[in-house]
Every structure is written in structure tokens, then in C-alpha cells.
């Protein structure tokens, strides 16, 4: 598959896991299923046949590296919480539209401590 002109070579995925206090339309089903497996949902308007949906679905064929940055919660006190770089991720399974539910495999599993910090509400 030819890579369209202007296509990115790197895609940064920024994920906030715990959505308490966020508007209902931002309550995506983002979570770690295992230390090396993430479930992530695209924005509500994204369909698999859209340009963004095709970029997600075909990132390996298009030679686009996806880099995962995660934070447990949006805020830490009065400040925005920092994102933690979790490494490269490869999308292995997609389902649905508007939003698309994606499962991605991390190149390296999260360390136990980081996995616990990111998956335990109110920790961090």
C-alpha cells in the first residue's frame, strides 16, 4: 500500500484512563487489560472508513509508529497530571464505529508498579 504524501511517521496516543469528572461524551472505555495490552476508544465521531480510522487500522502497513502516553487521571491536585511514556504499541484488533474500540499490544509490558499506579483509581 503506498503511503499518502504528508502522512505522519509517528502517531502519539495520549490516554487518560480514569474519567471521573469528565463530560459524558468523553467517557471512553480506555483501560489496560494486562500489562502489555491496552483497550482504547477513538473519538465518538471516528469511523473505520474515515481517514483517521484508516490511519488507526493501517498504521503497520503505512509504517507509522504509534507511541503510547498514559496518565491515570486528568488532574493531580490543581494541576494537569503528567503523561507517562509507555512505549510503542501495535493495534491488533478493532471493532465498531463512532467510536472504534481498539486493542493494542505494547512492545514491552509495563512494570508491575507502573501498571498498578495506572490501573488503580485515586493513586498517583
PDB file of N, CA and C in Angstrom:
ATOM      1  N   UNK A   1       0.848  -1.175   0.000  1.00  0.00           N
ATOM      2  CA  UNK A   1       0.000   0.000   0.000  1.00  0.00           C
ATOM      3  C   UNK A   1       0.893   1.238   0.000  1.00  0.00           C
ATOM      4  N   UNK A   2       0.735   2.124  -0.965  1.00  0.00           N
ATOM      5  CA  UNK A   2       1.543   3.338  -0.979  1.00  0.00           C
ATOM      6  C   UNK A   2       1.173   4.253   0.180  1.00  0.00           C
ATOM      7  N   UNK A   3       2.165   4.943   0.695  1.00  0.00           N
ATOM      8  CA  UNK A   3       1.941   5.874   1.795  1.00  0.00           C
ATOM      9  C   UNK A   3       1.563   7.222   1.199  1.00  0.00           C
ATOM     10  N   UNK A   4       0.384   7.772   1.551  1.00  0.00           N
ATOM     11  CA  UNK A   4      -0.022   9.065   1.015  1.00  0.00           C
ATOM     12  C   UNK A   4       0.949  10.165   1.418  1.00  0.00           C
ATOM     13  N   UNK A   5       1.165  11.111   0.507  1.00  0.00           N
ATOM     14  CA  UNK A   5       2.044  12.246   0.796  1.00  0.00           C
ATOM     15  C   UNK A   5       1.541  12.967   2.037  1.00  0.00           C
ATOM     16  N   UNK A   6       2.444  13.376   2.880  1.00  0.00           N
ATOM     17  CA  UNK A   6       2.080  14.106   4.086  1.00  0.00           C
ATOM     18  C   UNK A   6       1.660  13.224   5.249  1.00  0.00           C
ATOM     19  N   UNK A   7       1.697  11.895   5.076  1.00  0.00           N
ATOM     20  CA  UNK A   7       1.326  11.004   6.175  1.00  0.00           C
ATOM     21  C   UNK A   7       2.379  11.069   7.271  1.00  0.00           C
ATOM     22  N   UNK A   8       1.929  11.004   8.530  1.00  0.00           N
ATOM     23  CA  UNK A   8       2.904  11.020   9.626  1.00  0.00           C
ATOM     24  C   UNK A   8       3.672   9.706   9.684  1.00  0.00           C
ATOM     25  N   UNK A   9       4.841   9.741  10.261  1.00  0.00           N
ATOM     26  CA  UNK A   9       5.617   8.520  10.500  1.00  0.00           C
ATOM     27  C   UNK A   9       5.489   8.089  11.953  1.00  0.00           C
ATOM     28  N   UNK A  10       5.014   9.008  12.777  1.00  0.00           N
ATOM     29  CA  UNK A  10       4.819   8.724  14.196  1.00  0.00           C
ATOM     30  C   UNK A  10       3.474   9.286  14.620  1.00  0.00           C
ATOM     31  N   UNK A  11       2.777   8.520  15.440  1.00  0.00           N
ATOM     32  CA  UNK A  11       1.494   8.933  15.977  1.00  0.00           C
ATOM     33  C   UNK A  11       1.584   8.805  17.487  1.00  0.00           C
ATOM     34  N   UNK A  12       1.295   9.881  18.213  1.00  0.00           N
ATOM     35  CA  UNK A  12       1.327   9.858  19.673  1.00  0.00           C
ATOM     36  C   UNK A  12      -0.092   9.742  20.190  1.00  0.00           C
ATOM     37  N   UNK A  13      -0.338   8.711  20.957  1.00  0.00           N
ATOM     38  CA  UNK A  13      -1.645   8.450  21.532  1.00  0.00           C
ATOM     39  C   UNK A  13      -1.602   8.858  23.004  1.00  0.00           C
ATOM     40  N   UNK A  14      -2.396   9.870  23.366  1.00  0.00           N
ATOM     41  CA  UNK A  14      -2.459  10.372  24.737  1.00  0.00           C
ATOM     42  C   UNK A  14      -3.752   9.866  25.366  1.00  0.00           C
ATOM     43  N   UNK A  15      -3.630   9.078  26.442  1.00  0.00           N
ATOM     44  CA  UNK A  15      -4.787   8.411  27.040  1.00  0.00           C
ATOM     45  C   UNK A  15      -4.882   8.757  28.522  1.00  0.00           C
ATOM     46  N   UNK A  16      -6.079   9.203  28.932  1.00  0.00           N
ATOM     47  CA  UNK A  16      -6.404   9.373  30.348  1.00  0.00           C
ATOM     48  C   UNK A  16      -7.327   8.222  30.723  1.00  0.00           C
ATOM     49  N   UNK A  17      -6.931   7.408  31.686  1.00  0.00           N
ATOM     50  CA  UNK A  17      -7.675   6.190  31.999  1.00  0.00           C
ATOM     51  C   UNK A  17      -8.938   6.432  32.823  1.00  0.00           C
ATOM     52  N   UNK A  18      -8.839   7.165  33.911  1.00  0.00           N
ATOM     53  CA  UNK A  18      -9.972   7.361  34.816  1.00  0.00           C
ATOM     54  C   UNK A  18     -10.645   8.683  34.463  1.00  0.00           C
ATOM     55  N   UNK A  19     -11.917   8.607  34.101  1.00  0.00           N
ATOM     56  CA  UNK A  19     -12.610   9.756  33.519  1.00  0.00           C
ATOM     57  C   UNK A  19     -13.547  10.476  34.489  1.00  0.00           C
ATOM     58  N   UNK A  20     -13.467  10.196  35.774  1.00  0.00           N
ATOM     59  CA  UNK A  20     -14.380  10.849  36.708  1.00  0.00           C
ATOM     60  C   UNK A  20     -14.249  12.364  36.583  1.00  0.00           C
ATOM     61  N   UNK A  21     -15.387  13.033  36.586  1.00  0.00           N
ATOM     62  CA  UNK A  21     -15.392  14.483  36.466  1.00  0.00           C
ATOM     63  C   UNK A  21     -15.360  14.981  35.029  1.00  0.00           C
ATOM     64  N   UNK A  22     -15.220  14.088  34.064  1.00  0.00           N
ATOM     65  CA  UNK A  22     -15.210  14.491  32.665  1.00  0.00           C
ATOM     66  C   UNK A  22     -16.622  14.362  32.096  1.00  0.00           C
ATOM     67  N   UNK A  23     -16.929  15.162  31.076  1.00  0.00           N
ATOM     68  CA  UNK A  23     -18.247  15.132  30.439  1.00  0.00           C
ATOM     69  C   UNK A  23     -18.553  13.736  29.905  1.00  0.00           C
ATOM     70  N   UNK A  24     -19.827  13.390  29.858  1.00  0.00           N
ATOM     71  CA  UNK A  24     -20.267  12.059  29.434  1.00  0.00           C
ATOM     72  C   UNK A  24     -19.711  11.677  28.065  1.00  0.00           C
ATOM     73  N   UNK A  25     -19.653  12.620  27.126  1.00  0.00           N
ATOM     74  CA  UNK A  25     -19.176  12.280  25.780  1.00  0.00           C
ATOM     75  C   UNK A  25     -17.668  12.037  25.728  1.00  0.00           C
ATOM     76  N   UNK A  26     -16.985  12.189  26.865  1.00  0.00           N
ATOM     77  CA  UNK A  26     -15.562  11.853  26.944  1.00  0.00           C
ATOM     78  C   UNK A  26     -15.324  10.608  27.793  1.00  0.00           C
ATOM     79  N   UNK A  27     -16.363   9.883  28.131  1.00  0.00           N
ATOM     80  CA  UNK A  27     -16.262   8.689  28.979  1.00  0.00           C
ATOM     81  C   UNK A  27     -15.901   7.456  28.137  1.00  0.00           C
ATOM     82  N   UNK A  28     -14.782   7.508  27.470  1.00  0.00           N
ATOM     83  CA  UNK A  28     -14.334   6.405  26.626  1.00  0.00           C
ATOM     84  C   UNK A  28     -13.930   5.206  27.481  1.00  0.00           C
ATOM     85  N   UNK A  29     -14.012   4.004  26.896  1.00  0.00           N
ATOM     86  CA  UNK A  29     -13.675   2.767  27.600  1.00  0.00           C
ATOM     87  C   UNK A  29     -12.195   2.442  27.510  1.00  0.00           C
ATOM     88  N   UNK A  30     -11.347   3.350  27.965  1.00  0.00           N
ATOM     89  CA  UNK A  30      -9.899   3.162  27.905  1.00  0.00           C
ATOM     90  C   UNK A  30      -9.432   2.458  29.178  1.00  0.00           C
ATOM     91  N   UNK A  31      -8.686   1.351  28.990  1.00  0.00           N
ATOM     92  CA  UNK A  31      -8.175   0.636  30.162  1.00  0.00           C
ATOM     93  C   UNK A  31      -7.116  -0.370  29.733  1.00  0.00           C
ATOM     94  N   UNK A  32      -6.272  -0.734  30.681  1.00  0.00           N
ATOM     95  CA  UNK A  32      -5.318  -1.814  30.451  1.00  0.00           C
ATOM     96  C   UNK A  32      -6.020  -3.129  30.743  1.00  0.00           C
ATOM     97  N   UNK A  33      -5.920  -4.068  29.827  1.00  0.00           N
ATOM     98  CA  UNK A  33      -6.460  -5.411  30.027  1.00  0.00           C
ATOM     99  C   UNK A  33      -5.403  -6.316  30.652  1.00  0.00           C
ATOM    100  N   UNK A  34      -4.141  -5.950  30.477  1.00  0.00           N
ATOM    101  CA  UNK A  34      -2.977  -6.665  31.009  1.00  0.00           C
ATOM    102  C   UNK A  34      -1.804  -5.686  30.929  1.00  0.00           C
ATOM    103  N   UNK A  35      -0.671  -5.998  31.563  1.00  0.00           N
ATOM    104  CA  UNK A  35       0.479  -5.091  31.499  1.00  0.00           C
ATOM    105  C   UNK A  35       0.985  -4.804  30.076  1.00  0.00           C
ATOM    106  N   UNK A  36       0.608  -5.639  29.120  1.00  0.00           N
ATOM    107  CA  UNK A  36       1.063  -5.416  27.747  1.00  0.00           C
ATOM    108  C   UNK A  36      -0.086  -5.244  26.755  1.00  0.00           C
ATOM    109  N   UNK A  37      -1.317  -5.032  27.272  1.00  0.00           N
ATOM    110  CA  UNK A  37      -2.488  -4.945  26.388  1.00  0.00           C
ATOM    111  C   UNK A  37      -3.408  -3.811  26.827  1.00  0.00           C
ATOM    112  N   UNK A  38      -3.640  -2.872  25.919  1.00  0.00           N
ATOM    113  CA  UNK A  38      -4.474  -1.707  26.179  1.00  0.00           C
ATOM    114  C   UNK A  38      -5.740  -1.785  25.349  1.00  0.00           C
ATOM    115  N   UNK A  39      -6.865  -1.438  25.958  1.00  0.00           N
ATOM    116  CA  UNK A  39      -8.094  -1.196  25.199  1.00  0.00           C
ATOM    117  C   UNK A  39      -8.291   0.305  25.171  1.00  0.00           C
ATOM    118  N   UNK A  40      -8.490   0.852  23.979  1.00  0.00           N
ATOM    119  CA  UNK A  40      -8.637   2.292  23.783  1.00  0.00           C
ATOM    120  C   UNK A  40      -9.786   2.547  22.835  1.00  0.00           C
ATOM    121  N   UNK A  41     -10.509   3.642  23.054  1.00  0.00           N
ATOM    122  CA  UNK A  41     -11.576   4.018  22.139  1.00  0.00           C
ATOM    123  C   UNK A  41     -11.257   5.353  21.492  1.00  0.00           C
ATOM    124  N   UNK A  42     -11.510   5.400  20.178  1.00  0.00           N
ATOM    125  CA  UNK A  42     -11.309   6.630  19.418  1.00  0.00           C
ATOM    126  C   UNK A  42     -12.356   7.665  19.823  1.00  0.00           C
ATOM    127  N   UNK A  43     -12.254   8.851  19.272  1.00  0.00           N
ATOM    128  CA  UNK A  43     -13.282   9.858  19.494  1.00  0.00           C
ATOM    129  C   UNK A  43     -14.612   9.343  18.953  1.00  0.00           C
ATOM    130  N   UNK A  44     -15.699   9.845  19.508  1.00  0.00           N
ATOM    131  CA  UNK A  44     -17.036   9.370  19.144  1.00  0.00           C
ATOM    132  C   UNK A  44     -17.357   9.492  17.659  1.00  0.00           C
ATOM    133  N   UNK A  45     -16.793  10.449  16.981  1.00  0.00           N
ATOM    134  CA  UNK A  45     -17.125  10.669  15.568  1.00  0.00           C
ATOM    135  C   UNK A  45     -16.271   9.818  14.614  1.00  0.00           C
ATOM    136  N   UNK A  46     -15.282   9.078  15.116  1.00  0.00           N
ATOM    137  CA  UNK A  46     -14.366   8.338  14.251  1.00  0.00           C
ATOM    138  C   UNK A  46     -14.972   7.015  13.793  1.00  0.00           C
ATOM    139  N   UNK A  47     -14.971   6.828  12.483  1.00  0.00           N
ATOM    140  CA  UNK A  47     -15.446   5.592  11.853  1.00  0.00           C
ATOM    141  C   UNK A  47     -14.253   4.889  11.205  1.00  0.00           C
ATOM    142  N   UNK A  48     -14.345   3.568  11.066  1.00  0.00           N
ATOM    143  CA  UNK A  48     -13.241   2.820  10.464  1.00  0.00           C
ATOM    144  C   UNK A  48     -12.965   3.229   9.022  1.00  0.00           C
ATOM    145  N   UNK A  49     -13.991   3.688   8.304  1.00  0.00           N
ATOM    146  CA  UNK A  49     -13.779   4.081   6.907  1.00  0.00           C
ATOM    147  C   UNK A  49     -13.368   5.541   6.754  1.00  0.00           C
ATOM    148  N   UNK A  50     -13.236   6.286   7.852  1.00  0.00           N
ATOM    149  CA  UNK A  50     -12.772   7.672   7.784  1.00  0.00           C
ATOM    150  C   UNK A  50     -11.249   7.702   7.635  1.00  0.00           C
ATOM    151  N   UNK A  51     -10.707   8.857   7.295  1.00  0.00           N
ATOM    152  CA  UNK A  51      -9.249   8.992   7.142  1.00  0.00           C
ATOM    153  C   UNK A  51      -8.536   8.618   8.436  1.00  0.00           C
ATOM    154  N   UNK A  52      -9.028   9.107   9.567  1.00  0.00           N
ATOM    155  CA  UNK A  52      -8.393   8.796  10.858  1.00  0.00           C
ATOM    156  C   UNK A  52      -8.562   7.314  11.190  1.00  0.00           C
ATOM    157  N   UNK A  53      -9.740   6.760  10.925  1.00  0.00           N
ATOM    158  CA  UNK A  53      -9.978   5.339  11.173  1.00  0.00           C
ATOM    159  C   UNK A  53      -9.054   4.453  10.358  1.00  0.00           C
ATOM    160  N   UNK A  54      -8.830   4.821   9.088  1.00  0.00           N
ATOM    161  CA  UNK A  54      -7.920   4.063   8.237  1.00  0.00           C
ATOM    162  C   UNK A  54      -6.477   4.185   8.721  1.00  0.00           C
ATOM    163  N   UNK A  55      -6.117   5.361   9.237  1.00  0.00           N
ATOM    164  CA  UNK A  55      -4.778   5.554   9.786  1.00  0.00           C
ATOM    165  C   UNK A  55      -4.565   4.625  10.980  1.00  0.00           C
ATOM    166  N   UNK A  56      -5.583   4.522  11.844  1.00  0.00           N
ATOM    167  CA  UNK A  56      -5.505   3.629  13.007  1.00  0.00           C
ATOM    168  C   UNK A  56      -5.405   2.176  12.534  1.00  0.00           C
ATOM    169  N   UNK A  57      -6.311   1.790  11.655  1.00  0.00           N
ATOM    170  CA  UNK A  57      -6.390   0.402  11.188  1.00  0.00           C
ATOM    171  C   UNK A  57      -5.132  -0.023  10.428  1.00  0.00           C
ATOM    172  N   UNK A  58      -4.590   0.854   9.613  1.00  0.00           N
ATOM    173  CA  UNK A  58      -3.500   0.501   8.695  1.00  0.00           C
ATOM    174  C   UNK A  58      -2.135   1.020   9.114  1.00  0.00           C
ATOM    175  N   UNK A  59      -1.962   1.372  10.375  1.00  0.00           N
ATOM    176  CA  UNK A  59      -0.705   2.020  10.780  1.00  0.00           C
ATOM    177  C   UNK A  59       0.524   1.148  10.511  1.00  0.00           C
ATOM    178  N   UNK A  60       0.427  -0.151  10.647  1.00  0.00           N
ATOM    179  CA  UNK A  60       1.588  -1.013  10.397  1.00  0.00           C
ATOM    180  C   UNK A  60       1.927  -1.008   8.905  1.00  0.00           C
ATOM    181  N   UNK A  61       0.920  -1.201   8.065  1.00  0.00           N
ATOM    182  CA  UNK A  61       1.144  -1.218   6.617  1.00  0.00           C
ATOM    183  C   UNK A  61       1.675   0.123   6.112  1.00  0.00           C
ATOM    184  N   UNK A  62       1.267   1.206   6.759  1.00  0.00           N
ATOM    185  CA  UNK A  62       1.722   2.545   6.365  1.00  0.00           C
ATOM    186  C   UNK A  62       3.042   2.931   7.035  1.00  0.00           C
ATOM    187  N   UNK A  63       3.588   2.008   7.816  1.00  0.00           N
ATOM    188  CA  UNK A  63       4.865   2.229   8.512  1.00  0.00           C
ATOM    189  C   UNK A  63       4.808   3.430   9.451  1.00  0.00           C
ATOM    190  N   UNK A  64       3.701   3.508  10.186  1.00  0.00           N
ATOM    191  CA  UNK A  64       3.511   4.578  11.163  1.00  0.00           C
ATOM    192  C   UNK A  64       3.681   3.980  12.552  1.00  0.00           C
ATOM    193  N   UNK A  65       4.639   4.494  13.309  1.00  0.00           N
ATOM    194  CA  UNK A  65       4.873   4.034  14.682  1.00  0.00           C
ATOM    195  C   UNK A  65       3.900   4.753  15.610  1.00  0.00           C
ATOM    196  N   UNK A  66       3.226   3.993  16.472  1.00  0.00           N
ATOM    197  CA  UNK A  66       2.307   4.570  17.452  1.00  0.00           C
ATOM    198  C   UNK A  66       2.984   4.527  18.812  1.00  0.00           C
ATOM    199  N   UNK A  67       3.046   5.682  19.463  1.00  0.00           N
ATOM    200  CA  UNK A  67       3.684   5.816  20.774  1.00  0.00           C
ATOM    201  C   UNK A  67       2.602   6.111  21.809  1.00  0.00           C
ATOM    202  N   UNK A  68       2.577   5.321  22.880  1.00  0.00           N
ATOM    203  CA  UNK A  68       1.539   5.424  23.892  1.00  0.00           C
ATOM    204  C   UNK A  68       2.008   6.232  25.102  1.00  0.00           C
ATOM    205  N   UNK A  69       1.233   7.263  25.426  1.00  0.00           N
ATOM    206  CA  UNK A  69       1.434   8.077  26.618  1.00  0.00           C
ATOM    207  C   UNK A  69       0.155   7.969  27.444  1.00  0.00           C
ATOM    208  N   UNK A  70       0.279   7.640  28.728  1.00  0.00           N
ATOM    209  CA  UNK A  70      -0.885   7.385  29.569  1.00  0.00           C
ATOM    210  C   UNK A  70      -0.746   8.147  30.883  1.00  0.00           C
ATOM    211  N   UNK A  71      -1.899   8.565  31.387  1.00  0.00           N
ATOM    212  CA  UNK A  71      -1.968   9.080  32.764  1.00  0.00           C
ATOM    213  C   UNK A  71      -3.206   8.481  33.400  1.00  0.00           C
ATOM    214  N   UNK A  72      -3.159   8.298  34.703  1.00  0.00           N
ATOM    215  CA  UNK A  72      -4.291   7.690  35.407  1.00  0.00           C
ATOM    216  C   UNK A  72      -5.476   8.647  35.421  1.00  0.00           C
ATOM    217  N   UNK A  73      -5.221   9.910  35.767  1.00  0.00           N
ATOM    218  CA  UNK A  73      -6.294  10.894  35.908  1.00  0.00           C
ATOM    219  C   UNK A  73      -5.897  12.194  35.232  1.00  0.00           C
ATOM    220  N   UNK A  74      -6.893  13.016  34.924  1.00  0.00           N
ATOM    221  CA  UNK A  74      -6.659  14.278  34.232  1.00  0.00           C
ATOM    222  C   UNK A  74      -5.920  15.287  35.120  1.00  0.00           C
ATOM    223  N   UNK A  75      -6.286  15.336  36.382  1.00  0.00           N
ATOM    224  CA  UNK A  75      -5.714  16.326  37.308  1.00  0.00           C
ATOM    225  C   UNK A  75      -4.963  15.652  38.439  1.00  0.00           C
ATOM    226  N   UNK A  76      -3.943  16.319  38.886  1.00  0.00           N
ATOM    227  CA  UNK A  76      -3.234  15.938  40.109  1.00  0.00           C
ATOM    228  C   UNK A  76      -3.260  17.188  40.969  1.00  0.00           C
ATOM    229  N   UNK A  77      -4.210  17.230  41.900  1.00  0.00           N
ATOM    230  CA  UNK A  77      -4.442  18.448  42.660  1.00  0.00           C
ATOM    231  C   UNK A  77      -5.053  19.484  41.721  1.00  0.00           C
ATOM    232  N   UNK A  78      -4.482  20.683  41.700  1.00  0.00           N
ATOM    233  CA  UNK A  78      -4.985  21.750  40.835  1.00  0.00           C
ATOM    234  C   UNK A  78      -4.301  21.753  39.468  1.00  0.00           C
ATOM    235  N   UNK A  79      -3.336  20.887  39.290  1.00  0.00           N
ATOM    236  CA  UNK A  79      -2.543  20.867  38.056  1.00  0.00           C
ATOM    237  C   UNK A  79      -2.953  19.703  37.155  1.00  0.00           C
ATOM    238  N   UNK A  80      -2.661  19.839  35.870  1.00  0.00           N
ATOM    239  CA  UNK A  80      -2.838  18.713  34.951  1.00  0.00           C
ATOM    240  C   UNK A  80      -1.832  17.636  35.303  1.00  0.00           C
ATOM    241  N   UNK A  81      -2.282  16.399  35.307  1.00  0.00           N
ATOM    242  CA  UNK A  81      -1.383  15.282  35.606  1.00  0.00           C
ATOM    243  C   UNK A  81      -0.490  15.029  34.393  1.00  0.00           C
ATOM    244  N   UNK A  82       0.753  14.640  34.635  1.00  0.00           N
ATOM    245  CA  UNK A  82       1.654  14.348  33.509  1.00  0.00           C
ATOM    246  C   UNK A  82       1.323  12.996  32.872  1.00  0.00           C
ATOM    247  N   UNK A  83       1.654  12.878  31.602  1.00  0.00           N
ATOM    248  CA  UNK A  83       1.536  11.606  30.900  1.00  0.00           C
ATOM    249  C   UNK A  83       2.837  10.836  31.080  1.00  0.00           C
ATOM    250  N   UNK A  84       2.744   9.510  31.112  1.00  0.00           N
ATOM    251  CA  UNK A  84       3.900   8.625  31.217  1.00  0.00           C
ATOM    252  C   UNK A  84       4.051   7.909  29.884  1.00  0.00           C
ATOM    253  N   UNK A  85       5.260   7.913  29.346  1.00  0.00           N
ATOM    254  CA  UNK A  85       5.506   7.207  28.090  1.00  0.00           C
ATOM    255  C   UNK A  85       5.578   5.711  28.371  1.00  0.00           C
ATOM    256  N   UNK A  86       4.690   4.960  27.707  1.00  0.00           N
ATOM    257  CA  UNK A  86       4.615   3.512  27.913  1.00  0.00           C
ATOM    258  C   UNK A  86       5.284   2.730  26.785  1.00  0.00           C
ATOM    259  N   UNK A  87       5.714   3.415  25.737  1.00  0.00           N
ATOM    260  CA  UNK A  87       6.422   2.761  24.653  1.00  0.00           C
ATOM    261  C   UNK A  87       5.582   2.601  23.401  1.00  0.00           C
ATOM    262  N   UNK A  88       6.165   1.947  22.405  1.00  0.00           N
ATOM    263  CA  UNK A  88       5.441   1.696  21.153  1.00  0.00           C
ATOM    264  C   UNK A  88       4.314   0.689  21.367  1.00  0.00           C
ATOM    265  N   UNK A  89       3.228   0.885  20.632  1.00  0.00           N
ATOM    266  CA  UNK A  89       2.072  -0.008  20.704  1.00  0.00           C
ATOM    267  C   UNK A  89       1.627  -0.333  19.278  1.00  0.00           C
ATOM    268  N   UNK A  90       1.224  -1.578  19.078  1.00  0.00           N
ATOM    269  CA  UNK A  90       0.703  -2.025  17.784  1.00  0.00           C
ATOM    270  C   UNK A  90      -0.751  -2.401  17.956  1.00  0.00           C
ATOM    271  N   UNK A  91      -1.622  -1.796  17.153  1.00  0.00           N
ATOM    272  CA  UNK A  91      -3.040  -2.127  17.218  1.00  0.00           C
ATOM    273  C   UNK A  91      -3.249  -3.498  16.612  1.00  0.00           C
ATOM    274  N   UNK A  92      -3.886  -4.384  17.362  1.00  0.00           N
ATOM    275  CA  UNK A  92      -4.045  -5.773  16.925  1.00  0.00           C
ATOM    276  C   UNK A  92      -5.493  -6.147  16.631  1.00  0.00           C
ATOM    277  N   UNK A  93      -6.448  -5.327  17.084  1.00  0.00           N
ATOM    278  CA  UNK A  93      -7.852  -5.676  16.914  1.00  0.00           C
ATOM    279  C   UNK A  93      -8.681  -4.400  16.962  1.00  0.00           C
ATOM    280  N   UNK A  94      -9.640  -4.281  16.045  1.00  0.00           N
ATOM    281  CA  UNK A  94     -10.555  -3.129  16.022  1.00  0.00           C
ATOM    282  C   UNK A  94     -11.975  -3.641  15.905  1.00  0.00           C
ATOM    283  N   UNK A  95     -12.907  -2.914  16.530  1.00  0.00           N
ATOM    284  CA  UNK A  95     -14.320  -3.249  16.351  1.00  0.00           C
ATOM    285  C   UNK A  95     -15.155  -1.996  16.520  1.00  0.00           C
ATOM    286  N   UNK A  96     -16.285  -1.960  15.830  1.00  0.00           N
ATOM    287  CA  UNK A  96     -17.245  -0.879  15.972  1.00  0.00           C
ATOM    288  C   UNK A  96     -16.872   0.378  15.210  1.00  0.00           C
ATOM    289  N   UNK A  97     -17.755   1.329  15.314  1.00  0.00           N
ATOM    290  CA  UNK A  97     -17.617   2.650  14.701  1.00  0.00           C
ATOM    291  C   UNK A  97     -18.229   3.682  15.634  1.00  0.00           C
ATOM    292  N   UNK A  98     -17.679   4.847  15.604  1.00  0.00           N
ATOM    293  CA  UNK A  98     -18.232   6.022  16.311  1.00  0.00           C
ATOM    294  C   UNK A  98     -18.536   5.761  17.777  1.00  0.00           C
ATOM    295  N   UNK A  99     -17.622   5.332  18.623  1.00  0.00           N
ATOM    296  CA  UNK A  99     -16.181   5.232  18.426  1.00  0.00           C
ATOM    297  C   UNK A  99     -15.740   3.833  17.983  1.00  0.00           C
ATOM    298  N   UNK A 100     -14.479   3.752  17.607  1.00  0.00           N
ATOM    299  CA  UNK A 100     -13.828   2.478  17.303  1.00  0.00           C
ATOM    300  C   UNK A 100     -13.178   1.989  18.602  1.00  0.00           C
ATOM    301  N   UNK A 101     -13.399   0.734  18.951  1.00  0.00           N
ATOM    302  CA  UNK A 101     -12.714   0.141  20.097  1.00  0.00           C
ATOM    303  C   UNK A 101     -11.500  -0.611  19.567  1.00  0.00           C
ATOM    304  N   UNK A 102     -10.333  -0.264  20.095  1.00  0.00           N
ATOM    305  CA  UNK A 102      -9.062  -0.791  19.608  1.00  0.00           C
ATOM    306  C   UNK A 102      -8.340  -1.484  20.753  1.00  0.00           C
ATOM    307  N   UNK A 103      -7.755  -2.622  20.471  1.00  0.00           N
ATOM    308  CA  UNK A 103      -6.859  -3.264  21.427  1.00  0.00           C
ATOM    309  C   UNK A 103      -5.451  -3.178  20.857  1.00  0.00           C
ATOM    310  N   UNK A 104      -4.522  -2.761  21.718  1.00  0.00           N
ATOM    311  CA  UNK A 104      -3.150  -2.582  21.277  1.00  0.00           C
ATOM    312  C   UNK A 104      -2.176  -3.317  22.170  1.00  0.00           C
ATOM    313  N   UNK A 105      -1.186  -3.906  21.543  1.00  0.00           N
ATOM    314  CA  UNK A 105      -0.151  -4.672  22.249  1.00  0.00           C
ATOM    315  C   UNK A 105       1.085  -3.790  22.406  1.00  0.00           C
ATOM    316  N   UNK A 106       1.531  -3.630  23.646  1.00  0.00           N
ATOM    317  CA  UNK A 106       2.760  -2.875  23.912  1.00  0.00           C
ATOM    318  C   UNK A 106       3.973  -3.692  23.505  1.00  0.00           C
ATOM    319  N   UNK A 107       4.982  -3.009  23.009  1.00  0.00           N
ATOM    320  CA  UNK A 107       6.232  -3.687  22.644  1.00  0.00           C
ATOM    321  C   UNK A 107       6.857  -4.348  23.871  1.00  0.00           C
ATOM    322  N   UNK A 108       6.782  -3.662  25.011  1.00  0.00           N
ATOM    323  CA  UNK A 108       7.284  -4.207  26.284  1.00  0.00           C
ATOM    324  C   UNK A 108       6.205  -4.014  27.345  1.00  0.00           C
ATOM    325  N   UNK A 109       5.928  -5.027  28.156  1.00  0.00           N
ATOM    326  CA  UNK A 109       4.905  -4.876  29.204  1.00  0.00           C
ATOM    327  C   UNK A 109       5.299  -3.797  30.208  1.00  0.00           C
ATOM    328  N   UNK A 110       4.292  -3.177  30.807  1.00  0.00           N
ATOM    329  CA  UNK A 110       4.538  -2.213  31.875  1.00  0.00           C
ATOM    330  C   UNK A 110       5.117  -2.937  33.083  1.00  0.00           C
ATOM    331  N   UNK A 111       5.996  -2.261  33.817  1.00  0.00           N
ATOM    332  CA  UNK A 111       6.480  -2.813  35.082  1.00  0.00           C
ATOM    333  C   UNK A 111       5.302  -2.884  36.044  1.00  0.00           C
ATOM    334  N   UNK A 112       5.347  -3.835  36.960  1.00  0.00           N
ATOM    335  CA  UNK A 112       4.235  -4.063  37.891  1.00  0.00           C
ATOM    336  C   UNK A 112       3.812  -2.791  38.616  1.00  0.00           C
ATOM    337  N   UNK A 113       4.775  -2.020  39.110  1.00  0.00           N
ATOM    338  CA  UNK A 113       4.458  -0.806  39.878  1.00  0.00           C
ATOM    339  C   UNK A 113       3.713   0.203  39.013  1.00  0.00           C
ATOM    340  N   UNK A 114       4.181   0.430  37.790  1.00  0.00           N
ATOM    341  CA  UNK A 114       3.524   1.381  36.894  1.00  0.00           C
ATOM    342  C   UNK A 114       2.132   0.878  36.512  1.00  0.00           C
ATOM    343  N   UNK A 115       2.010  -0.408  36.236  1.00  0.00           N
ATOM    344  CA  UNK A 115       0.714  -0.996  35.916  1.00  0.00           C
ATOM    345  C   UNK A 115      -0.278  -0.738  37.063  1.00  0.00           C
ATOM    346  N   UNK A 116       0.151  -0.979  38.290  1.00  0.00           N
ATOM    347  CA  UNK A 116      -0.710  -0.744  39.462  1.00  0.00           C
ATOM    348  C   UNK A 116      -1.076   0.732  39.604  1.00  0.00           C
ATOM    349  N   UNK A 117      -0.115   1.636  39.405  1.00  0.00           N
ATOM    350  CA  UNK A 117      -0.381   3.068  39.525  1.00  0.00           C
ATOM    351  C   UNK A 117      -1.407   3.524  38.485  1.00  0.00           C
ATOM    352  N   UNK A 118      -1.288   3.021  37.271  1.00  0.00           N
ATOM    353  CA  UNK A 118      -2.177   3.454  36.196  1.00  0.00           C
ATOM    354  C   UNK A 118      -3.565   2.825  36.258  1.00  0.00           C
ATOM    355  N   UNK A 119      -3.676   1.677  36.878  1.00  0.00           N
ATOM    356  CA  UNK A 119      -4.954   0.968  36.876  1.00  0.00           C
ATOM    357  C   UNK A 119      -5.719   1.097  38.205  1.00  0.00           C
ATOM    358  N   UNK A 120      -5.117   1.717  39.203  1.00  0.00           N
ATOM    359  CA  UNK A 120      -5.793   1.883  40.499  1.00  0.00           C
ATOM    360  C   UNK A 120      -6.331   3.310  40.614  1.00  0.00           C
ATOM    361  N   UNK A 121      -7.654   3.495  40.656  1.00  0.00           N
ATOM    362  CA  UNK A 121      -8.226   4.835  40.775  1.00  0.00           C
ATOM    363  C   UNK A 121      -7.725   5.542  42.040  1.00  0.00           C
ATOM    364  N   UNK A 122      -7.435   6.826  41.896  1.00  0.00           N
ATOM    365  CA  UNK A 122      -7.023   7.625  43.041  1.00  0.00           C
ATOM    366  C   UNK A 122      -5.579   7.478  43.440  1.00  0.00           C
ATOM    367  N   UNK A 123      -4.814   6.689  42.695  1.00  0.00           N
ATOM    368  CA  UNK A 123      -3.390   6.505  43.013  1.00  0.00           C
ATOM    369  C   UNK A 123      -2.580   7.296  42.012  1.00  0.00           C
ATOM    370  N   UNK A 124      -1.487   7.890  42.469  1.00  0.00           N
ATOM    371  CA  UNK A 124      -0.607   8.586  41.532  1.00  0.00           C
ATOM    372  C   UNK A 124      -0.378  10.001  41.875  1.00  0.00           C
TER     373      UNK A 124
END
